[in-house]
Amino acid sequence: LKLGQFAAALEKYEQALTYQQTPEYAFWGHLNLARCHLALGNAEAALTESRHALELEPKSPNCMKQLAWLLATIQNDQLRDGREALELIEQIKQNPKHVDVQWQEVHAAALAEVGRFDEAIRASRRAVTAAKSIKSKRLPELEAQLAKYQANQPWRLP
């Protein structure tokens, strides 16, 4: 996945999931399949695989963030569910001494999806500020998300 060869990785993860394996390996297989699908622009398949992963590890913060992101931002109106996204993201405990950029980003998207734009703007600003402090390459995307929320519009996956 780190090399950006998502199509090849997708094929390998699908093949690996055909073998009998431990629930932990199946969890990582589904979670990584979802990431590949998302990188390849197939958000609906990513949503399905993220749900499979969450069934296997219901308290995984990584999986909860990933699924919440998809639920809040997927293009398909019938699959998007801001309330479920918000419930998932708010189950993840946060360290008050550390700002988790990804958590703030997902929280902002879920808040915007349910129409709570003032709160989404605050969460998005926290993500932008934290991203600036660590010189994140994702800063332009986070700033674009903030601009959407400031215009009272939710963020959508491409």
C-alpha atoms as a PDB file:
ATOM      1  CA  LEU A   1       0.000   0.000   0.000  1.00  0.00           C
ATOM      2  CA  LYS A   2       2.804   2.402   0.806  1.00  0.00           C
ATOM      3  CA  LEU A   3       4.121   2.248  -2.748  1.00  0.00           C
ATOM      4  CA  GLY A   4       0.778   3.306  -4.184  1.00  0.00           C
ATOM      5  CA  GLN A   5       0.230   0.095  -6.129  1.00  0.00           C
ATOM      6  CA  PHE A   6      -3.380  -0.207  -5.042  1.00  0.00           C
ATOM      7  CA  ALA A   7      -4.687  -2.391  -7.889  1.00  0.00           C
ATOM      8  CA  ALA A   8      -1.979  -4.997  -7.308  1.00  0.00           C
ATOM      9  CA  ALA A   9      -2.481  -4.821  -3.540  1.00  0.00           C
ATOM     10  CA  LEU A  10      -6.237  -5.189  -3.986  1.00  0.00           C
ATOM     11  CA  GLU A  11      -5.717  -8.415  -5.907  1.00  0.00           C
ATOM     12  CA  LYS A  12      -3.324  -9.776  -3.243  1.00  0.00           C
ATOM     13  CA  TYR A  13      -5.682  -8.926  -0.341  1.00  0.00           C
ATOM     14  CA  GLU A  14      -8.640 -10.508  -2.136  1.00  0.00           C
ATOM     15  CA  GLN A  15      -6.578 -13.626  -2.752  1.00  0.00           C
ATOM     16  CA  ALA A  16      -5.369 -13.734   0.862  1.00  0.00           C
ATOM     17  CA  LEU A  17      -8.930 -13.504   2.183  1.00  0.00           C
ATOM     18  CA  THR A  18      -9.862 -16.704   0.342  1.00  0.00           C
ATOM     19  CA  TYR A  19      -7.629 -18.673   2.717  1.00  0.00           C
ATOM     20  CA  GLN A  20      -8.816 -19.673   6.156  1.00  0.00           C
ATOM     21  CA  GLN A  21      -7.184 -17.347   8.647  1.00  0.00           C
ATOM     22  CA  THR A  22      -7.450 -15.875  12.098  1.00  0.00           C
ATOM     23  CA  PRO A  23     -10.002 -13.113  12.735  1.00  0.00           C
ATOM     24  CA  GLU A  24      -7.113 -10.663  13.185  1.00  0.00           C
ATOM     25  CA  TYR A  25      -5.706 -11.395   9.720  1.00  0.00           C
ATOM     26  CA  ALA A  26      -9.190 -11.226   8.220  1.00  0.00           C
ATOM     27  CA  PHE A  27      -9.724  -7.861   9.929  1.00  0.00           C
ATOM     28  CA  TRP A  28      -6.534  -6.396   8.443  1.00  0.00           C
ATOM     29  CA  GLY A  29      -7.339  -7.930   5.082  1.00  0.00           C
ATOM     30  CA  HIS A  30     -10.766  -6.269   4.944  1.00  0.00           C
ATOM     31  CA  LEU A  31      -9.455  -2.975   6.318  1.00  0.00           C
ATOM     32  CA  ASN A  32      -6.672  -2.844   3.719  1.00  0.00           C
ATOM     33  CA  LEU A  33      -9.025  -3.937   0.947  1.00  0.00           C
ATOM     34  CA  ALA A  34     -11.204  -0.980   1.883  1.00  0.00           C
ATOM     35  CA  ARG A  35      -8.208   1.361   1.700  1.00  0.00           C
ATOM     36  CA  CYS A  36      -7.303   0.033  -1.742  1.00  0.00           C
ATOM     37  CA  HIS A  37     -10.855   0.422  -3.002  1.00  0.00           C
ATOM     38  CA  LEU A  38     -10.976   3.976  -1.670  1.00  0.00           C
ATOM     39  CA  ALA A  39      -7.653   4.876  -3.309  1.00  0.00           C
ATOM     40  CA  LEU A  40      -8.950   3.459  -6.590  1.00  0.00           C
ATOM     41  CA  GLY A  41     -12.146   5.532  -6.355  1.00  0.00           C
ATOM     42  CA  ASN A  42     -14.544   2.746  -5.427  1.00  0.00           C
ATOM     43  CA  ALA A  43     -16.053   4.171  -2.243  1.00  0.00           C
ATOM     44  CA  GLU A  44     -19.001   1.774  -2.200  1.00  0.00           C
ATOM     45  CA  ALA A  45     -16.713  -1.275  -2.092  1.00  0.00           C
ATOM     46  CA  ALA A  46     -14.578   0.520   0.513  1.00  0.00           C
ATOM     47  CA  LEU A  47     -17.685   1.014   2.646  1.00  0.00           C
ATOM     48  CA  THR A  48     -18.599  -2.678   2.382  1.00  0.00           C
ATOM     49  CA  GLU A  49     -15.083  -3.836   3.293  1.00  0.00           C
ATOM     50  CA  SER A  50     -14.882  -1.361   6.187  1.00  0.00           C
ATOM     51  CA  ARG A  51     -18.136  -2.769   7.586  1.00  0.00           C
ATOM     52  CA  HIS A  52     -16.714  -6.315   7.318  1.00  0.00           C
ATOM     53  CA  ALA A  53     -13.600  -5.200   9.191  1.00  0.00           C
ATOM     54  CA  LEU A  54     -15.632  -3.487  11.920  1.00  0.00           C
ATOM     55  CA  GLU A  55     -17.660  -6.674  12.446  1.00  0.00           C
ATOM     56  CA  LEU A  56     -14.379  -8.444  13.209  1.00  0.00           C
ATOM     57  CA  GLU A  57     -12.903  -5.684  15.432  1.00  0.00           C
ATOM     58  CA  PRO A  58     -15.813  -3.531  16.687  1.00  0.00           C
ATOM     59  CA  LYS A  59     -13.599  -1.253  18.807  1.00  0.00           C
ATOM     60  CA  SER A  60     -10.805  -0.585  16.307  1.00  0.00           C
ATOM     61  CA  PRO A  61     -10.242   3.199  16.212  1.00  0.00           C
ATOM     62  CA  ASN A  62      -8.653   2.968  12.737  1.00  0.00           C
ATOM     63  CA  CYS A  63     -11.605   1.086  11.352  1.00  0.00           C
ATOM     64  CA  MET A  64     -14.156   3.301  13.108  1.00  0.00           C
ATOM     65  CA  LYS A  65     -12.506   6.424  11.651  1.00  0.00           C
ATOM     66  CA  GLN A  66     -12.354   4.908   8.181  1.00  0.00           C
ATOM     67  CA  LEU A  67     -15.990   3.806   8.224  1.00  0.00           C
ATOM     68  CA  ALA A  68     -17.170   7.113   9.697  1.00  0.00           C
ATOM     69  CA  TRP A  69     -15.287   9.012   6.971  1.00  0.00           C
ATOM     70  CA  LEU A  70     -16.955   6.962   4.260  1.00  0.00           C
ATOM     71  CA  LEU A  71     -20.405   7.275   5.823  1.00  0.00           C
ATOM     72  CA  ALA A  72     -20.054  11.049   6.074  1.00  0.00           C
ATOM     73  CA  THR A  73     -18.531  11.733   2.665  1.00  0.00           C
ATOM     74  CA  ILE A  74     -19.593   9.052   0.165  1.00  0.00           C
ATOM     75  CA  GLN A  75     -21.295  10.425  -2.960  1.00  0.00           C
ATOM     76  CA  ASN A  76     -24.151   7.911  -2.906  1.00  0.00           C
ATOM     77  CA  ASP A  77     -27.052   9.510  -1.004  1.00  0.00           C
ATOM     78  CA  GLN A  78     -28.525   6.108  -0.149  1.00  0.00           C
ATOM     79  CA  LEU A  79     -25.302   4.929   1.511  1.00  0.00           C
ATOM     80  CA  ARG A  80     -24.337   8.175   3.245  1.00  0.00           C
ATOM     81  CA  ASP A  81     -25.337   8.317   6.915  1.00  0.00           C
ATOM     82  CA  GLY A  82     -24.072  11.284   8.897  1.00  0.00           C
ATOM     83  CA  ARG A  83     -25.727  10.178  12.133  1.00  0.00           C
ATOM     84  CA  GLU A  84     -24.006   6.796  12.069  1.00  0.00           C
ATOM     85  CA  ALA A  85     -20.713   8.485  11.139  1.00  0.00           C
ATOM     86  CA  LEU A  86     -21.027  10.856  14.087  1.00  0.00           C
ATOM     87  CA  GLU A  87     -21.884   8.017  16.480  1.00  0.00           C
ATOM     88  CA  LEU A  88     -18.838   6.045  15.345  1.00  0.00           C
ATOM     89  CA  ILE A  89     -16.332   8.884  15.519  1.00  0.00           C
ATOM     90  CA  GLU A  90     -17.550  10.074  18.902  1.00  0.00           C
ATOM     91  CA  GLN A  91     -16.994   6.608  20.384  1.00  0.00           C
ATOM     92  CA  ILE A  92     -13.237   7.051  19.940  1.00  0.00           C
ATOM     93  CA  LYS A  93     -11.666   8.540  23.042  1.00  0.00           C
ATOM     94  CA  GLN A  94      -9.371  11.492  22.431  1.00  0.00           C
ATOM     95  CA  ASN A  95      -6.257  12.501  24.319  1.00  0.00           C
ATOM     96  CA  PRO A  96      -6.914  16.084  25.469  1.00  0.00           C
ATOM     97  CA  LYS A  97      -3.172  16.837  25.232  1.00  0.00           C
ATOM     98  CA  HIS A  98      -2.872  15.758  21.584  1.00  0.00           C
ATOM     99  CA  VAL A  99      -4.895  16.734  18.511  1.00  0.00           C
ATOM    100  CA  ASP A 100      -5.528  13.770  16.207  1.00  0.00           C
ATOM    101  CA  VAL A 101      -5.746  15.427  12.778  1.00  0.00           C
ATOM    102  CA  GLN A 102      -7.573  12.516  11.202  1.00  0.00           C
ATOM    103  CA  TRP A 103     -10.111  12.307  14.030  1.00  0.00           C
ATOM    104  CA  GLN A 104     -10.801  16.049  13.772  1.00  0.00           C
ATOM    105  CA  GLU A 105     -11.157  15.750   9.994  1.00  0.00           C
ATOM    106  CA  VAL A 106     -13.633  12.879  10.234  1.00  0.00           C
ATOM    107  CA  HIS A 107     -15.510  14.532  13.100  1.00  0.00           C
ATOM    108  CA  ALA A 108     -15.850  17.734  11.043  1.00  0.00           C
ATOM    109  CA  ALA A 109     -17.153  15.797   8.031  1.00  0.00           C
ATOM    110  CA  ALA A 110     -19.734  13.959  10.139  1.00  0.00           C
ATOM    111  CA  LEU A 111     -20.851  17.179  11.841  1.00  0.00           C
ATOM    112  CA  ALA A 112     -21.239  18.905   8.473  1.00  0.00           C
ATOM    113  CA  GLU A 113     -23.189  15.968   7.072  1.00  0.00           C
ATOM    114  CA  VAL A 114     -25.777  16.336   9.854  1.00  0.00           C
ATOM    115  CA  GLY A 115     -25.934  20.103   9.318  1.00  0.00           C
ATOM    116  CA  ARG A 116     -23.923  21.190  12.364  1.00  0.00           C
ATOM    117  CA  PHE A 117     -21.667  23.506  10.377  1.00  0.00           C
ATOM    118  CA  ASP A 118     -20.476  25.756  13.236  1.00  0.00           C
ATOM    119  CA  GLU A 119     -19.121  22.716  15.069  1.00  0.00           C
ATOM    120  CA  ALA A 120     -17.732  21.281  11.820  1.00  0.00           C
ATOM    121  CA  ILE A 121     -15.840  24.537  11.226  1.00  0.00           C
ATOM    122  CA  ARG A 122     -14.310  24.414  14.712  1.00  0.00           C
ATOM    123  CA  ALA A 123     -13.248  20.779  14.305  1.00  0.00           C
ATOM    124  CA  SER A 124     -11.876  21.464  10.836  1.00  0.00           C
ATOM    125  CA  ARG A 125      -9.894  24.468  12.114  1.00  0.00           C
ATOM    126  CA  ARG A 126      -8.338  22.243  14.788  1.00  0.00           C
ATOM    127  CA  ALA A 127      -7.351  19.766  12.058  1.00  0.00           C
ATOM    128  CA  VAL A 128      -5.856  22.527   9.897  1.00  0.00           C
ATOM    129  CA  THR A 129      -3.925  24.028  12.815  1.00  0.00           C
ATOM    130  CA  ALA A 130      -2.548  20.649  13.838  1.00  0.00           C
ATOM    131  CA  ALA A 131      -1.660  19.801  10.229  1.00  0.00           C
ATOM    132  CA  LYS A 132       0.250  23.075   9.917  1.00  0.00           C
ATOM    133  CA  SER A 133       2.195  22.318  13.082  1.00  0.00           C
ATOM    134  CA  ILE A 134       3.408  18.997  11.692  1.00  0.00           C
ATOM    135  CA  LYS A 135       3.838  20.303   8.123  1.00  0.00           C
ATOM    136  CA  SER A 136       1.353  17.761   6.767  1.00  0.00           C
ATOM    137  CA  LYS A 137       1.206  17.220   3.012  1.00  0.00           C
ATOM    138  CA  ARG A 138      -2.564  16.999   3.411  1.00  0.00           C
ATOM    139  CA  LEU A 139      -2.904  20.639   4.455  1.00  0.00           C
ATOM    140  CA  PRO A 140      -4.382  21.842   1.116  1.00  0.00           C
ATOM    141  CA  GLU A 141      -7.125  19.199   1.273  1.00  0.00           C
ATOM    142  CA  LEU A 142      -7.903  20.044   4.898  1.00  0.00           C
ATOM    143  CA  GLU A 143      -8.130  23.726   3.998  1.00  0.00           C
ATOM    144  CA  ALA A 144     -10.474  22.882   1.105  1.00  0.00           C
ATOM    145  CA  GLN A 145     -12.680  20.942   3.516  1.00  0.00           C
ATOM    146  CA  LEU A 146     -12.765  23.913   5.890  1.00  0.00           C
ATOM    147  CA  ALA A 147     -13.813  26.201   3.029  1.00  0.00           C
ATOM    148  CA  LYS A 148     -16.711  23.865   2.208  1.00  0.00           C
ATOM    149  CA  TYR A 149     -17.925  23.895   5.810  1.00  0.00           C
ATOM    150  CA  GLN A 150     -17.621  27.685   5.942  1.00  0.00           C
ATOM    151  CA  ALA A 151     -19.926  27.735   2.889  1.00  0.00           C
ATOM    152  CA  ASN A 152     -22.373  25.451   4.772  1.00  0.00           C
ATOM    153  CA  GLN A 153     -21.644  22.547   2.437  1.00  0.00           C
ATOM    154  CA  PRO A 154     -20.643  19.028   3.439  1.00  0.00           C
ATOM    155  CA  TRP A 155     -17.502  17.399   2.020  1.00  0.00           C
ATOM    156  CA  ARG A 156     -17.892  14.697  -0.613  1.00  0.00           C
ATOM    157  CA  LEU A 157     -15.463  12.125  -1.887  1.00  0.00           C
ATOM    158  CA  PRO A 158     -14.551  12.625  -5.563  1.00  0.00           C
END
